[in-house]
C-alpha atoms as a PDB file:
ATOM      1  CA  MET A   1       0.002   0.001   0.000  1.00  0.00           C
ATOM      2  CA  ASP A   2       2.839   2.406   0.892  1.00  0.00           C
ATOM      3  CA  ARG A   3       4.580   2.322  -2.505  1.00  0.00           C
ATOM      4  CA  HIS A   4       7.186   4.927  -1.565  1.00  0.00           C
ATOM      5  CA  ASN A   5       7.974   3.535   1.898  1.00  0.00           C
ATOM      6  CA  ALA A   6       7.079   6.885   3.434  1.00  0.00           C
ATOM      7  CA  GLY A   7       5.426   5.295   6.472  1.00  0.00           C
ATOM      8  CA  TYR A   8       1.999   6.574   5.501  1.00  0.00           C
ATOM      9  CA  VAL A   9      -0.481   6.844   2.641  1.00  0.00           C
ATOM     10  CA  THR A  10      -2.840   9.659   1.817  1.00  0.00           C
ATOM     11  CA  ILE A  11      -6.572   9.037   1.904  1.00  0.00           C
ATOM     12  CA  ASN A  12      -6.615   9.290  -1.907  1.00  0.00           C
ATOM     13  CA  GLY A  13      -3.763   6.803  -2.114  1.00  0.00           C
ATOM     14  CA  PHE A  14      -5.717   4.488   0.158  1.00  0.00           C
ATOM     15  CA  GLY A  15      -8.811   4.827  -2.057  1.00  0.00           C
ATOM     16  CA  ASN A  16      -6.725   4.046  -5.146  1.00  0.00           C
ATOM     17  CA  TRP A  17      -5.178   1.004  -3.470  1.00  0.00           C
ATOM     18  CA  VAL A  18      -8.608  -0.352  -2.523  1.00  0.00           C
ATOM     19  CA  ARG A  19      -9.835   0.141  -6.090  1.00  0.00           C
ATOM     20  CA  GLU A  20      -6.777  -1.496  -7.668  1.00  0.00           C
ATOM     21  CA  ASN A  21      -6.416  -4.403  -5.234  1.00  0.00           C
ATOM     22  CA  CYS A  22      -9.945  -5.074  -4.043  1.00  0.00           C
ATOM     23  CA  GLY A  23     -11.991  -3.949  -7.028  1.00  0.00           C
ATOM     24  CA  PHE A  24     -14.106  -1.658  -4.861  1.00  0.00           C
ATOM     25  CA  HIS A  25     -14.549   2.023  -5.655  1.00  0.00           C
ATOM     26  CA  ILE A  26     -14.808   4.341  -2.651  1.00  0.00           C
ATOM     27  CA  ALA A  27     -16.833   7.401  -3.576  1.00  0.00           C
ATOM     28  CA  ASP A  28     -15.068  10.738  -3.153  1.00  0.00           C
ATOM     29  CA  GLU A  29     -17.737  11.909  -0.714  1.00  0.00           C
ATOM     30  CA  ASP A  30     -16.974   8.889   1.538  1.00  0.00           C
ATOM     31  CA  LEU A  31     -13.239   9.555   1.759  1.00  0.00           C
ATOM     32  CA  PRO A  32     -13.448  12.258   4.471  1.00  0.00           C
ATOM     33  CA  ALA A  33     -15.356   9.883   6.782  1.00  0.00           C
ATOM     34  CA  LEU A  34     -12.750   7.176   6.227  1.00  0.00           C
ATOM     35  CA  GLU A  35     -10.027   9.679   6.909  1.00  0.00           C
ATOM     36  CA  LEU A  36     -11.555  10.420  10.307  1.00  0.00           C
ATOM     37  CA  CYS A  37     -11.445   6.698  11.115  1.00  0.00           C
ATOM     38  CA  PHE A  38      -7.814   6.168  10.107  1.00  0.00           C
ATOM     39  CA  ASP A  39      -6.174   9.534  10.801  1.00  0.00           C
ATOM     40  CA  ASP A  40      -6.279  10.171  14.553  1.00  0.00           C
ATOM     41  CA  VAL A  41      -4.027  13.229  14.468  1.00  0.00           C
ATOM     42  CA  GLN A  42      -5.699  14.735  11.381  1.00  0.00           C
ATOM     43  CA  ASP A  43      -2.495  15.258   9.440  1.00  0.00           C
ATOM     44  CA  TYR A  44      -4.047  13.934   6.205  1.00  0.00           C
ATOM     45  CA  ARG A  45      -1.944  10.790   6.444  1.00  0.00           C
ATOM     46  CA  ILE A  46      -2.858   7.224   7.257  1.00  0.00           C
ATOM     47  CA  GLY A  47       0.088   5.823   9.168  1.00  0.00           C
ATOM     48  CA  ARG A  48       0.781   2.116   9.385  1.00  0.00           C
ATOM     49  CA  GLU A  49       0.095   1.951  13.129  1.00  0.00           C
ATOM     50  CA  ASP A  50      -3.146   3.946  12.841  1.00  0.00           C
ATOM     51  CA  PHE A  51      -4.320   1.661  10.058  1.00  0.00           C
ATOM     52  CA  ILE A  52      -3.498  -1.543  11.928  1.00  0.00           C
ATOM     53  CA  GLN A  53      -5.054  -0.274  15.164  1.00  0.00           C
ATOM     54  CA  THR A  54      -8.247   0.735  13.350  1.00  0.00           C
ATOM     55  CA  ILE A  55      -8.802  -2.531  11.485  1.00  0.00           C
ATOM     56  CA  SER A  56      -7.563  -4.932  14.173  1.00  0.00           C
ATOM     57  CA  VAL A  57      -9.941  -6.924  16.318  1.00  0.00           C
ATOM     58  CA  GLN A  58      -8.998  -7.197  19.954  1.00  0.00           C
ATOM     59  CA  PHE A  59      -9.302 -10.678  21.452  1.00  0.00           C
ATOM     60  CA  GLU A  60      -9.254 -11.391  25.134  1.00  0.00           C
ATOM     61  CA  GLU A  61      -7.839 -14.727  26.144  1.00  0.00           C
ATOM     62  CA  ALA A  62     -10.088 -16.670  28.457  1.00  0.00           C
ATOM     63  CA  ASP A  63      -8.605 -18.382  31.486  1.00  0.00           C
ATOM     64  CA  ASP A  64      -8.713 -22.166  31.369  1.00  0.00           C
ATOM     65  CA  GLU A  65     -11.339 -22.104  34.114  1.00  0.00           C
ATOM     66  CA  GLU A  66     -13.554 -19.836  32.018  1.00  0.00           C
ATOM     67  CA  ALA A  67     -13.136 -21.814  28.808  1.00  0.00           C
ATOM     68  CA  PRO A  68     -16.273 -23.689  27.782  1.00  0.00           C
ATOM     69  CA  LYS A  69     -16.305 -27.354  28.603  1.00  0.00           C
ATOM     70  CA  ASP A  70     -16.809 -29.890  25.835  1.00  0.00           C
ATOM     71  CA  LYS A  71     -20.530 -30.127  25.412  1.00  0.00           C
ATOM     72  CA  GLU A  72     -22.648 -31.964  22.939  1.00  0.00           C
ATOM     73  CA  PRO A  73     -24.907 -29.818  20.806  1.00  0.00           C
ATOM     74  CA  LYS A  74     -28.482 -29.710  22.067  1.00  0.00           C
ATOM     75  CA  ASP A  75     -29.804 -31.692  19.107  1.00  0.00           C
ATOM     76  CA  LYS A  76     -27.437 -34.606  19.912  1.00  0.00           C
ATOM     77  CA  LYS A  77     -28.507 -34.991  23.544  1.00  0.00           C
ATOM     78  CA  GLU A  78     -30.536 -38.047  24.388  1.00  0.00           C
ATOM     79  CA  LYS A  79     -34.174 -37.310  24.688  1.00  0.00           C
ATOM     80  CA  ALA A  80     -36.094 -38.567  27.672  1.00  0.00           C
ATOM     81  CA  PRO A  81     -38.240 -41.597  26.804  1.00  0.00           C
ATOM     82  CA  LYS A  82     -41.873 -40.723  26.283  1.00  0.00           C
ATOM     83  CA  ASP A  83     -44.523 -42.161  28.519  1.00  0.00           C
ATOM     84  CA  LYS A  84     -46.473 -44.946  26.799  1.00  0.00           C
ATOM     85  CA  LYS A  85     -49.686 -43.071  27.715  1.00  0.00           C
ATOM     86  CA  ASP A  86     -48.594 -40.082  25.588  1.00  0.00           C
ATOM     87  CA  ALA A  87     -48.013 -42.219  22.472  1.00  0.00           C
END
C-alpha cells in the first residue's frame, strides 16, 4: 500500500489502493469519513500503526477455568423416553 515507503499513505492513495487491489470504488464523498477513522491526528496521512489499530480486532484470552467445557450440541442430547400413555 505504501509504494514509496514513506510510512503513511494519503486518503486518496488508500482509495486508489482499494480500487486497484480489491476492485471496490470508494466514492469521493466517503473519503473524508474514512479519513476520520484512520487519521487520529488529522495530518491527512494514514500511518501504518493507525491503520493496523483501526482494522484490528482485539481478542481477550479466556482463562482455562472460564473456557467452555466440551458439550454436545443440544440436538445430539438423548431425549427422555416418552410415557407410553402419551403415544
